[in-house]
Amino acid sequence: MTIKEVQDEIVDEFSMFDDWEERFQYVIDLGKSLPLIEEKYKVEENTIKGCQSKVWLHGEVINDKIVFTADSDAIITKGIIAVLIRAFSNQKASDILEADTKFIDEIGLKEQLSPTRANGLVSMIKQIKMYALAFNSQE
């Protein structure tokens, strides 16, 4: 699936819920299903700066696609990074760099977050794009 197709699927899933309490529960559930990052990647250099909680993000290229793994010490944050990983993992670096993040606004996530969590979300997206930039230059 393309990034856009995955993003559209996420938007469709979130639209099934009537209120934000249900959507937050879904975000939490997504966080619980996040494949765990290996302990060796839970290091300072993989910590996303600008997040209220601890968030670790690791990316590596497998078969010309970037595969991301992540974890967080906060359940909501873990769900947020799970949404982003679902949208951007297993994609080519150039596609990640070209992709927009309008789907975040479409599901209404950013407006439901506290200012510090919203800043963290922006930092997570920035870090994913930085991985893509680094790996894209190696292609």
N, C-alpha and C. Protein backbone atom coordinates (compact mmCIF):
# COMPACT_ATOMS: atom_id res chain seq x y z
N MET A 1 0.84 -1.20 0.00
CA MET A 1 0.00 0.00 0.00
C MET A 1 0.88 1.25 0.00
N THR A 2 0.40 2.28 -0.66
CA THR A 2 1.12 3.55 -0.63
C THR A 2 0.85 4.24 0.71
N ILE A 3 1.65 5.25 1.01
CA ILE A 3 1.45 6.02 2.24
C ILE A 3 0.05 6.63 2.24
N LYS A 4 -0.35 7.20 1.12
CA LYS A 4 -1.67 7.83 1.02
C LYS A 4 -2.78 6.82 1.29
N GLU A 5 -2.64 5.61 0.75
CA GLU A 5 -3.66 4.58 0.97
C GLU A 5 -3.75 4.19 2.45
N VAL A 6 -2.60 4.08 3.10
CA VAL A 6 -2.58 3.75 4.53
C VAL A 6 -3.22 4.90 5.32
N GLN A 7 -2.85 6.13 4.97
CA GLN A 7 -3.42 7.29 5.66
C GLN A 7 -4.94 7.35 5.49
N ASP A 8 -5.42 7.08 4.28
CA ASP A 8 -6.87 7.08 4.04
C ASP A 8 -7.56 6.01 4.88
N GLU A 9 -6.91 4.85 5.01
CA GLU A 9 -7.45 3.77 5.82
C GLU A 9 -7.54 4.20 7.30
N ILE A 10 -6.52 4.89 7.78
CA ILE A 10 -6.53 5.38 9.16
C ILE A 10 -7.65 6.39 9.35
N VAL A 11 -7.81 7.31 8.41
CA VAL A 11 -8.89 8.31 8.49
C VAL A 11 -10.25 7.61 8.54
N ASP A 12 -10.43 6.59 7.68
CA ASP A 12 -11.69 5.84 7.67
C ASP A 12 -11.95 5.17 9.03
N GLU A 13 -10.92 4.59 9.60
CA GLU A 13 -11.08 3.92 10.89
C GLU A 13 -11.49 4.91 11.98
N PHE A 14 -10.84 6.07 12.01
CA PHE A 14 -11.16 7.07 13.03
C PHE A 14 -12.56 7.64 12.83
N SER A 15 -13.03 7.70 11.59
CA SER A 15 -14.36 8.26 11.33
C SER A 15 -15.48 7.36 11.85
N MET A 16 -15.15 6.12 12.17
CA MET A 16 -16.17 5.20 12.69
C MET A 16 -16.57 5.54 14.13
N PHE A 17 -15.74 6.32 14.82
CA PHE A 17 -16.01 6.63 16.21
C PHE A 17 -16.77 7.94 16.33
N ASP A 18 -17.71 7.97 17.25
CA ASP A 18 -18.59 9.13 17.41
C ASP A 18 -17.96 10.27 18.20
N ASP A 19 -17.14 9.93 19.19
CA ASP A 19 -16.58 10.99 20.02
C ASP A 19 -15.10 10.76 20.30
N TRP A 20 -14.49 11.76 20.92
CA TRP A 20 -13.06 11.68 21.13
C TRP A 20 -12.67 10.68 22.20
N GLU A 21 -13.55 10.39 23.10
CA GLU A 21 -13.24 9.38 24.10
C GLU A 21 -13.00 8.03 23.42
N GLU A 22 -13.86 7.70 22.46
CA GLU A 22 -13.70 6.45 21.71
C GLU A 22 -12.43 6.48 20.85
N ARG A 23 -12.15 7.64 20.26
CA ARG A 23 -10.96 7.76 19.42
C ARG A 23 -9.68 7.62 20.25
N PHE A 24 -9.68 8.24 21.44
CA PHE A 24 -8.51 8.11 22.31
C PHE A 24 -8.32 6.66 22.75
N GLN A 25 -9.42 5.97 23.01
CA GLN A 25 -9.32 4.56 23.37
C GLN A 25 -8.71 3.76 22.21
N TYR A 26 -9.08 4.13 20.99
CA TYR A 26 -8.53 3.47 19.81
C TYR A 26 -7.03 3.75 19.68
N VAL A 27 -6.64 5.00 19.95
CA VAL A 27 -5.22 5.36 19.92
C VAL A 27 -4.45 4.53 20.94
N ILE A 28 -5.03 4.38 22.14
CA ILE A 28 -4.40 3.57 23.19
C ILE A 28 -4.28 2.12 22.74
N ASP A 29 -5.33 1.59 22.13
CA ASP A 29 -5.30 0.21 21.63
C ASP A 29 -4.22 0.03 20.56
N LEU A 30 -4.08 1.02 19.68
CA LEU A 30 -3.03 0.96 18.67
C LEU A 30 -1.65 0.93 19.32
N GLY A 31 -1.50 1.71 20.38
CA GLY A 31 -0.24 1.72 21.11
C GLY A 31 0.09 0.37 21.71
N LYS A 32 -0.94 -0.30 22.21
CA LYS A 32 -0.74 -1.63 22.81
C LYS A 32 -0.33 -2.66 21.76
N SER A 33 -0.71 -2.44 20.51
CA SER A 33 -0.38 -3.39 19.45
C SER A 33 0.93 -3.04 18.74
N LEU A 34 1.59 -1.97 19.18
CA LEU A 34 2.83 -1.53 18.55
C LEU A 34 3.92 -2.59 18.77
N PRO A 35 4.54 -3.04 17.68
CA PRO A 35 5.65 -4.00 17.86
C PRO A 35 6.76 -3.33 18.68
N LEU A 36 7.21 -4.02 19.70
CA LEU A 36 8.17 -3.40 20.60
C LEU A 36 9.54 -3.21 19.96
N ILE A 37 10.12 -2.08 20.28
CA ILE A 37 11.47 -1.76 19.84
C ILE A 37 12.43 -2.63 20.66
N GLU A 38 13.51 -3.05 20.03
CA GLU A 38 14.50 -3.83 20.76
C GLU A 38 15.16 -2.94 21.82
N GLU A 39 15.46 -3.52 22.98
CA GLU A 39 16.05 -2.77 24.09
C GLU A 39 17.32 -2.03 23.68
N LYS A 40 18.10 -2.62 22.78
CA LYS A 40 19.37 -1.98 22.37
C LYS A 40 19.14 -0.65 21.65
N TYR A 41 17.91 -0.41 21.17
CA TYR A 41 17.61 0.86 20.50
C TYR A 41 16.98 1.89 21.44
N LYS A 42 16.75 1.50 22.69
CA LYS A 42 16.21 2.44 23.68
C LYS A 42 17.37 3.22 24.30
N VAL A 43 18.01 4.01 23.46
CA VAL A 43 19.16 4.80 23.87
C VAL A 43 18.88 6.28 23.59
N GLU A 44 19.67 7.11 24.21
CA GLU A 44 19.47 8.56 24.13
C GLU A 44 19.41 9.06 22.68
N GLU A 45 20.26 8.53 21.80
CA GLU A 45 20.29 9.02 20.42
C GLU A 45 19.02 8.69 19.64
N ASN A 46 18.22 7.73 20.13
CA ASN A 46 16.94 7.40 19.49
C ASN A 46 15.75 8.05 20.18
N THR A 47 16.02 8.89 21.18
CA THR A 47 14.96 9.59 21.88
C THR A 47 14.53 10.80 21.05
N ILE A 48 13.24 10.98 20.92
CA ILE A 48 12.73 12.13 20.16
C ILE A 48 12.71 13.34 21.07
N LYS A 49 13.43 14.37 20.66
CA LYS A 49 13.50 15.61 21.43
C LYS A 49 12.20 16.40 21.21
N GLY A 50 11.74 17.06 22.26
CA GLY A 50 10.55 17.88 22.14
C GLY A 50 9.28 17.17 22.57
N CYS A 51 9.41 15.93 23.02
CA CYS A 51 8.25 15.20 23.52
C CYS A 51 8.19 15.29 25.03
N GLN A 52 6.98 15.43 25.53
CA GLN A 52 6.74 15.49 26.96
C GLN A 52 7.13 14.15 27.61
N SER A 53 6.84 13.07 26.93
CA SER A 53 7.15 11.73 27.41
C SER A 53 8.41 11.24 26.72
N LYS A 54 8.93 10.14 27.21
CA LYS A 54 10.06 9.49 26.54
C LYS A 54 9.51 8.74 25.33
N VAL A 55 10.09 9.00 24.17
CA VAL A 55 9.72 8.28 22.95
C VAL A 55 11.01 7.88 22.24
N TRP A 56 11.12 6.59 21.96
CA TRP A 56 12.27 6.09 21.21
C TRP A 56 11.80 5.70 19.82
N LEU A 57 12.56 6.08 18.81
CA LEU A 57 12.24 5.74 17.43
C LEU A 57 13.50 5.23 16.75
N HIS A 58 13.37 4.08 16.12
CA HIS A 58 14.50 3.52 15.38
C HIS A 58 14.02 3.18 13.98
N GLY A 59 14.85 3.49 13.00
CA GLY A 59 14.54 3.15 11.62
C GLY A 59 15.71 2.45 10.97
N GLU A 60 15.41 1.47 10.15
CA GLU A 60 16.46 0.80 9.38
C GLU A 60 15.90 0.42 8.03
N VAL A 61 16.79 0.33 7.05
CA VAL A 61 16.36 -0.01 5.70
C VAL A 61 16.40 -1.53 5.53
N ILE A 62 15.26 -2.06 5.12
CA ILE A 62 15.15 -3.48 4.81
C ILE A 62 14.48 -3.58 3.43
N ASN A 63 15.17 -4.19 2.49
CA ASN A 63 14.66 -4.32 1.11
C ASN A 63 14.23 -2.98 0.52
N ASP A 64 15.09 -1.98 0.64
CA ASP A 64 14.85 -0.64 0.08
C ASP A 64 13.72 0.14 0.73
N LYS A 65 13.21 -0.34 1.85
CA LYS A 65 12.14 0.38 2.56
C LYS A 65 12.57 0.61 4.01
N ILE A 66 12.12 1.73 4.57
CA ILE A 66 12.45 2.03 5.96
C ILE A 66 11.43 1.34 6.86
N VAL A 67 11.94 0.59 7.82
CA VAL A 67 11.09 -0.07 8.80
C VAL A 67 11.35 0.62 10.14
N PHE A 68 10.28 1.15 10.72
CA PHE A 68 10.39 1.86 12.00
C PHE A 68 9.89 0.98 13.14
N THR A 69 10.56 1.10 14.27
CA THR A 69 10.05 0.55 15.52
C THR A 69 10.14 1.67 16.55
N ALA A 70 9.28 1.60 17.56
CA ALA A 70 9.24 2.68 18.55
C ALA A 70 8.66 2.18 19.85
N ASP A 71 8.78 3.02 20.86
CA ASP A 71 8.15 2.77 22.15
C ASP A 71 8.06 4.10 22.88
N SER A 72 7.22 4.13 23.89
CA SER A 72 7.08 5.31 24.74
C SER A 72 6.71 4.86 26.14
N ASP A 73 7.02 5.72 27.10
CA ASP A 73 6.66 5.41 28.47
C ASP A 73 5.26 5.94 28.82
N ALA A 74 4.60 6.56 27.85
CA ALA A 74 3.24 7.08 28.07
C ALA A 74 2.29 6.42 27.07
N ILE A 75 1.16 5.95 27.56
CA ILE A 75 0.24 5.15 26.75
C ILE A 75 -0.35 5.91 25.55
N ILE A 76 -0.73 7.17 25.75
CA ILE A 76 -1.28 7.97 24.63
C ILE A 76 -0.18 8.23 23.60
N THR A 77 1.00 8.59 24.07
CA THR A 77 2.12 8.87 23.17
C THR A 77 2.49 7.62 22.38
N LYS A 78 2.44 6.48 23.03
CA LYS A 78 2.73 5.22 22.36
C LYS A 78 1.72 4.99 21.23
N GLY A 79 0.46 5.34 21.47
CA GLY A 79 -0.56 5.23 20.44
C GLY A 79 -0.34 6.18 19.28
N ILE A 80 0.10 7.39 19.60
CA ILE A 80 0.36 8.38 18.55
C ILE A 80 1.50 7.92 17.64
N ILE A 81 2.58 7.44 18.24
CA ILE A 81 3.71 6.98 17.42
C ILE A 81 3.30 5.73 16.64
N ALA A 82 2.40 4.92 17.20
CA ALA A 82 1.90 3.73 16.48
C ALA A 82 1.16 4.14 15.20
N VAL A 83 0.36 5.20 15.29
CA VAL A 83 -0.36 5.71 14.11
C VAL A 83 0.65 6.16 13.05
N LEU A 84 1.66 6.89 13.48
CA LEU A 84 2.66 7.40 12.53
C LEU A 84 3.48 6.26 11.91
N ILE A 85 3.85 5.29 12.73
CA ILE A 85 4.61 4.16 12.19
C ILE A 85 3.77 3.39 11.17
N ARG A 86 2.51 3.22 11.47
CA ARG A 86 1.63 2.53 10.53
C ARG A 86 1.60 3.26 9.19
N ALA A 87 1.58 4.57 9.23
CA ALA A 87 1.51 5.36 8.00
C ALA A 87 2.83 5.38 7.22
N PHE A 88 3.96 5.35 7.93
CA PHE A 88 5.24 5.59 7.25
C PHE A 88 6.21 4.42 7.22
N SER A 89 5.98 3.39 8.02
CA SER A 89 6.91 2.25 8.01
C SER A 89 6.70 1.40 6.76
N ASN A 90 7.73 0.71 6.37
CA ASN A 90 7.71 -0.15 5.17
C ASN A 90 7.46 0.65 3.89
N GLN A 91 8.00 1.87 3.88
CA GLN A 91 7.88 2.73 2.70
C GLN A 91 9.27 3.18 2.27
N LYS A 92 9.39 3.59 1.02
CA LYS A 92 10.67 4.10 0.53
C LYS A 92 10.94 5.48 1.11
N ALA A 93 12.21 5.76 1.33
CA ALA A 93 12.61 7.05 1.91
C ALA A 93 12.07 8.22 1.09
N SER A 94 12.18 8.13 -0.22
CA SER A 94 11.72 9.23 -1.08
C SER A 94 10.20 9.44 -0.95
N ASP A 95 9.46 8.36 -0.78
CA ASP A 95 8.00 8.48 -0.61
C ASP A 95 7.66 9.13 0.73
N ILE A 96 8.42 8.79 1.77
CA ILE A 96 8.19 9.40 3.09
C ILE A 96 8.46 10.90 3.02
N LEU A 97 9.53 11.27 2.33
CA LEU A 97 9.87 12.69 2.21
C LEU A 97 8.80 13.47 1.45
N GLU A 98 8.19 12.84 0.46
CA GLU A 98 7.17 13.51 -0.35
C GLU A 98 5.79 13.51 0.30
N ALA A 99 5.58 12.62 1.26
CA ALA A 99 4.25 12.46 1.84
C ALA A 99 3.86 13.65 2.71
N ASP A 100 2.58 13.96 2.69
CA ASP A 100 2.09 15.00 3.59
C ASP A 100 1.50 14.33 4.83
N THR A 101 1.17 15.15 5.79
CA THR A 101 0.62 14.62 7.05
C THR A 101 -0.77 15.18 7.32
N LYS A 102 -1.48 15.51 6.26
CA LYS A 102 -2.84 16.07 6.41
C LYS A 102 -3.78 15.10 7.12
N PHE A 103 -3.49 13.80 7.03
CA PHE A 103 -4.36 12.82 7.66
C PHE A 103 -4.45 13.04 9.17
N ILE A 104 -3.41 13.60 9.77
CA ILE A 104 -3.41 13.91 11.22
C ILE A 104 -4.51 14.93 11.50
N ASP A 105 -4.61 15.95 10.64
CA ASP A 105 -5.66 16.96 10.80
C ASP A 105 -7.03 16.36 10.50
N GLU A 106 -7.08 15.47 9.52
CA GLU A 106 -8.36 14.86 9.14
C GLU A 106 -8.95 14.00 10.25
N ILE A 107 -8.09 13.34 11.03
CA ILE A 107 -8.64 12.56 12.14
C ILE A 107 -8.82 13.43 13.39
N GLY A 108 -8.34 14.69 13.31
CA GLY A 108 -8.56 15.63 14.40
C GLY A 108 -7.65 15.41 15.60
N LEU A 109 -6.59 14.68 15.41
CA LEU A 109 -5.73 14.31 16.52
C LEU A 109 -5.04 15.51 17.16
N LYS A 110 -4.42 16.33 16.34
CA LYS A 110 -3.62 17.44 16.87
C LYS A 110 -4.45 18.39 17.74
N GLU A 111 -5.67 18.68 17.30
CA GLU A 111 -6.50 19.64 18.05
C GLU A 111 -6.99 19.07 19.38
N GLN A 112 -6.93 17.75 19.55
CA GLN A 112 -7.37 17.13 20.80
C GLN A 112 -6.24 16.98 21.81
N LEU A 113 -5.02 17.27 21.38
CA LEU A 113 -3.87 17.09 22.25
C LEU A 113 -3.54 18.38 23.00
N SER A 114 -2.92 18.23 24.16
CA SER A 114 -2.40 19.39 24.87
C SER A 114 -1.30 20.01 24.02
N PRO A 115 -0.99 21.29 24.24
CA PRO A 115 0.06 21.93 23.43
C PRO A 115 1.39 21.16 23.48
N THR A 116 1.76 20.64 24.64
CA THR A 116 3.05 19.92 24.72
C THR A 116 2.98 18.60 23.95
N ARG A 117 1.84 17.91 23.99
CA ARG A 117 1.71 16.67 23.22
C ARG A 117 1.65 16.97 21.72
N ALA A 118 1.00 18.06 21.34
CA ALA A 118 0.96 18.46 19.92
C ALA A 118 2.37 18.77 19.42
N ASN A 119 3.18 19.43 20.25
CA ASN A 119 4.57 19.69 19.88
C ASN A 119 5.33 18.38 19.73
N GLY A 120 5.03 17.43 20.61
CA GLY A 120 5.66 16.11 20.53
C GLY A 120 5.30 15.40 19.24
N LEU A 121 4.05 15.52 18.82
CA LEU A 121 3.59 14.92 17.57
C LEU A 121 4.39 15.49 16.39
N VAL A 122 4.56 16.80 16.39
CA VAL A 122 5.34 17.46 15.33
C VAL A 122 6.79 16.95 15.37
N SER A 123 7.34 16.79 16.56
CA SER A 123 8.71 16.28 16.70
C SER A 123 8.83 14.84 16.18
N MET A 124 7.80 14.02 16.43
CA MET A 124 7.81 12.64 15.93
C MET A 124 7.83 12.61 14.40
N ILE A 125 6.98 13.43 13.79
CA ILE A 125 6.92 13.51 12.32
C ILE A 125 8.26 13.99 11.78
N LYS A 126 8.82 15.00 12.42
CA LYS A 126 10.11 15.54 12.00
C LYS A 126 11.19 14.46 12.05
N GLN A 127 11.20 13.65 13.11
CA GLN A 127 12.21 12.61 13.25
C GLN A 127 12.05 11.53 12.18
N ILE A 128 10.81 11.17 11.87
CA ILE A 128 10.56 10.19 10.80
C ILE A 128 11.09 10.73 9.48
N LYS A 129 10.83 12.01 9.22
CA LYS A 129 11.32 12.64 7.98
C LYS A 129 12.85 12.72 7.97
N MET A 130 13.46 12.93 9.15
CA MET A 130 14.93 12.99 9.23
C MET A 130 15.54 11.63 8.89
N TYR A 131 14.95 10.56 9.39
CA TYR A 131 15.41 9.22 9.01
C TYR A 131 15.32 9.05 7.50
N ALA A 132 14.19 9.45 6.93
CA ALA A 132 13.99 9.31 5.49
C ALA A 132 15.03 10.12 4.72
N LEU A 133 15.31 11.31 5.20
CA LEU A 133 16.31 12.17 4.56
C LEU A 133 17.69 11.51 4.59
N ALA A 134 18.05 10.96 5.74
CA ALA A 134 19.36 10.30 5.89
C ALA A 134 19.46 9.08 4.97
N PHE A 135 18.40 8.25 4.97
CA PHE A 135 18.44 7.04 4.15
C PHE A 135 18.30 7.36 2.67
N ASN A 136 17.58 8.41 2.33
CA ASN A 136 17.39 8.81 0.94
C ASN A 136 18.75 9.21 0.32
N SER A 137 19.58 9.85 1.11
CA SER A 137 20.88 10.28 0.59
C SER A 137 21.82 9.10 0.36
N GLN A 138 21.48 7.94 0.93
CA GLN A 138 22.29 6.74 0.75
C GLN A 138 21.86 5.92 -0.47
N GLU A 139 20.69 6.23 -1.02
CA GLU A 139 20.16 5.45 -2.15
C GLU A 139 20.96 5.68 -3.41
